[in-house]
């Protein structure tokens, strides 16, 4: 059973003024993310369906990396509590 997980990936390394900037992400499988660019960082806000948060994040990171962007960090949904994140930390 899948669930929708919300998180953000902060990336860098691509020119947001490039003609194919947004298309690169869409074509790489990031069609479930909202794309923005702030303070020199590419920000992708995902709402990804997967069986686990780990699977959602891994697949999203792979998609972002396929564009040639460098993933800097992953940020959880602002409504996710530390208690929600703790089981992820203990499983790695």
C-alpha atoms as a PDB file:
ATOM      1  CA  UNK A   1       0.000   0.000   0.000  1.00  0.00           C
ATOM      2  CA  UNK A   2       1.421   3.369  -0.955  1.00  0.00           C
ATOM      3  CA  UNK A   3       1.228   6.615   0.913  1.00  0.00           C
ATOM      4  CA  UNK A   4       2.097  10.165  -0.136  1.00  0.00           C
ATOM      5  CA  UNK A   5       5.212  11.555   1.554  1.00  0.00           C
ATOM      6  CA  UNK A   6       6.086  15.245   1.481  1.00  0.00           C
ATOM      7  CA  UNK A   7       9.661  16.491   1.698  1.00  0.00           C
ATOM      8  CA  UNK A   8      12.015  18.903  -0.007  1.00  0.00           C
ATOM      9  CA  UNK A   9      15.274  18.305  -1.804  1.00  0.00           C
ATOM     10  CA  UNK A  10      17.742  21.170  -1.893  1.00  0.00           C
ATOM     11  CA  UNK A  11      20.127  20.921  -4.839  1.00  0.00           C
ATOM     12  CA  UNK A  12      22.608  22.970  -6.861  1.00  0.00           C
ATOM     13  CA  UNK A  13      24.723  22.822  -9.982  1.00  0.00           C
ATOM     14  CA  UNK A  14      22.272  23.772 -12.728  1.00  0.00           C
ATOM     15  CA  UNK A  15      21.594  27.166 -14.261  1.00  0.00           C
ATOM     16  CA  UNK A  16      17.979  28.181 -13.565  1.00  0.00           C
ATOM     17  CA  UNK A  17      18.136  30.499 -16.585  1.00  0.00           C
ATOM     18  CA  UNK A  18      18.827  27.599 -18.945  1.00  0.00           C
ATOM     19  CA  UNK A  19      16.072  27.081 -21.465  1.00  0.00           C
ATOM     20  CA  UNK A  20      15.594  23.426 -20.461  1.00  0.00           C
ATOM     21  CA  UNK A  21      15.887  23.939 -16.686  1.00  0.00           C
ATOM     22  CA  UNK A  22      12.350  22.891 -15.679  1.00  0.00           C
ATOM     23  CA  UNK A  23      12.065  20.281 -18.437  1.00  0.00           C
ATOM     24  CA  UNK A  24      15.165  18.461 -17.158  1.00  0.00           C
ATOM     25  CA  UNK A  25      13.443  17.802 -13.836  1.00  0.00           C
ATOM     26  CA  UNK A  26      10.113  16.848 -15.387  1.00  0.00           C
ATOM     27  CA  UNK A  27      11.784  14.483 -17.866  1.00  0.00           C
ATOM     28  CA  UNK A  28      13.840  12.890 -15.060  1.00  0.00           C
ATOM     29  CA  UNK A  29      10.705  11.922 -13.117  1.00  0.00           C
ATOM     30  CA  UNK A  30      10.264  14.919 -10.816  1.00  0.00           C
ATOM     31  CA  UNK A  31       6.751  15.602 -12.100  1.00  0.00           C
ATOM     32  CA  UNK A  32       5.453  15.231  -8.536  1.00  0.00           C
ATOM     33  CA  UNK A  33       7.538  18.164  -7.284  1.00  0.00           C
ATOM     34  CA  UNK A  34       7.161  21.917  -7.299  1.00  0.00           C
ATOM     35  CA  UNK A  35      10.361  23.532  -8.526  1.00  0.00           C
ATOM     36  CA  UNK A  36      11.752  26.844  -7.311  1.00  0.00           C
ATOM     37  CA  UNK A  37      15.100  28.604  -7.114  1.00  0.00           C
ATOM     38  CA  UNK A  38      16.111  30.705  -4.094  1.00  0.00           C
ATOM     39  CA  UNK A  39      19.398  32.136  -2.918  1.00  0.00           C
ATOM     40  CA  UNK A  40      21.422  30.030  -5.330  1.00  0.00           C
ATOM     41  CA  UNK A  41      19.655  26.758  -4.477  1.00  0.00           C
ATOM     42  CA  UNK A  42      17.264  24.609  -6.453  1.00  0.00           C
ATOM     43  CA  UNK A  43      14.358  23.586  -4.239  1.00  0.00           C
ATOM     44  CA  UNK A  44      12.063  20.725  -5.142  1.00  0.00           C
ATOM     45  CA  UNK A  45       9.035  20.241  -2.903  1.00  0.00           C
ATOM     46  CA  UNK A  46       7.923  16.647  -3.435  1.00  0.00           C
ATOM     47  CA  UNK A  47       4.631  14.885  -2.772  1.00  0.00           C
ATOM     48  CA  UNK A  48       5.827  11.386  -3.717  1.00  0.00           C
ATOM     49  CA  UNK A  49       3.826   8.165  -3.490  1.00  0.00           C
ATOM     50  CA  UNK A  50       5.736   5.184  -2.122  1.00  0.00           C
ATOM     51  CA  UNK A  51       5.447   2.366   0.388  1.00  0.00           C
ATOM     52  CA  UNK A  52       7.912   4.019   2.802  1.00  0.00           C
ATOM     53  CA  UNK A  53       9.487   7.428   3.330  1.00  0.00           C
ATOM     54  CA  UNK A  54      12.876   5.839   2.604  1.00  0.00           C
ATOM     55  CA  UNK A  55      11.689   4.583  -0.784  1.00  0.00           C
ATOM     56  CA  UNK A  56      10.155   7.970  -1.599  1.00  0.00           C
ATOM     57  CA  UNK A  57      13.347   9.864  -0.763  1.00  0.00           C
ATOM     58  CA  UNK A  58      15.686   7.427  -2.521  1.00  0.00           C
ATOM     59  CA  UNK A  59      13.665   7.520  -5.731  1.00  0.00           C
ATOM     60  CA  UNK A  60      13.411  11.323  -5.644  1.00  0.00           C
ATOM     61  CA  UNK A  61      17.160  11.709  -5.048  1.00  0.00           C
ATOM     62  CA  UNK A  62      17.840   9.417  -8.011  1.00  0.00           C
ATOM     63  CA  UNK A  63      15.552  11.503 -10.213  1.00  0.00           C
ATOM     64  CA  UNK A  64      17.179  14.785  -9.150  1.00  0.00           C
ATOM     65  CA  UNK A  65      20.662  13.347  -9.667  1.00  0.00           C
ATOM     66  CA  UNK A  66      19.658  12.221 -13.178  1.00  0.00           C
ATOM     67  CA  UNK A  67      19.255  15.885 -14.147  1.00  0.00           C
ATOM     68  CA  UNK A  68      22.904  16.581 -13.357  1.00  0.00           C
ATOM     69  CA  UNK A  69      22.037  18.549 -10.221  1.00  0.00           C
ATOM     70  CA  UNK A  70      23.934  17.876  -6.999  1.00  0.00           C
ATOM     71  CA  UNK A  71      21.722  17.023  -4.016  1.00  0.00           C
ATOM     72  CA  UNK A  72      22.763  19.123  -1.016  1.00  0.00           C
ATOM     73  CA  UNK A  73      20.236  17.982   1.567  1.00  0.00           C
ATOM     74  CA  UNK A  74      16.740  16.678   2.219  1.00  0.00           C
ATOM     75  CA  UNK A  75      14.311  18.493   4.444  1.00  0.00           C
ATOM     76  CA  UNK A  76      11.191  16.917   5.912  1.00  0.00           C
ATOM     77  CA  UNK A  77       7.717  18.286   5.607  1.00  0.00           C
ATOM     78  CA  UNK A  78       7.343  21.147   8.129  1.00  0.00           C
ATOM     79  CA  UNK A  79       4.428  19.267   9.676  1.00  0.00           C
ATOM     80  CA  UNK A  80       6.492  16.159  10.355  1.00  0.00           C
ATOM     81  CA  UNK A  81       7.515  15.896  13.991  1.00  0.00           C
ATOM     82  CA  UNK A  82      10.815  14.660  15.383  1.00  0.00           C
ATOM     83  CA  UNK A  83       8.923  11.596  16.622  1.00  0.00           C
ATOM     84  CA  UNK A  84       7.979  10.822  13.003  1.00  0.00           C
ATOM     85  CA  UNK A  85      11.597  11.134  11.877  1.00  0.00           C
ATOM     86  CA  UNK A  86      13.206   9.194  14.763  1.00  0.00           C
ATOM     87  CA  UNK A  87      12.324   5.716  13.439  1.00  0.00           C
ATOM     88  CA  UNK A  88      14.078   6.611  10.171  1.00  0.00           C
ATOM     89  CA  UNK A  89      17.261   7.456  12.029  1.00  0.00           C
ATOM     90  CA  UNK A  90      17.298   4.183  13.939  1.00  0.00           C
ATOM     91  CA  UNK A  91      16.772   2.105  10.798  1.00  0.00           C
ATOM     92  CA  UNK A  92      19.899   3.382   9.038  1.00  0.00           C
END
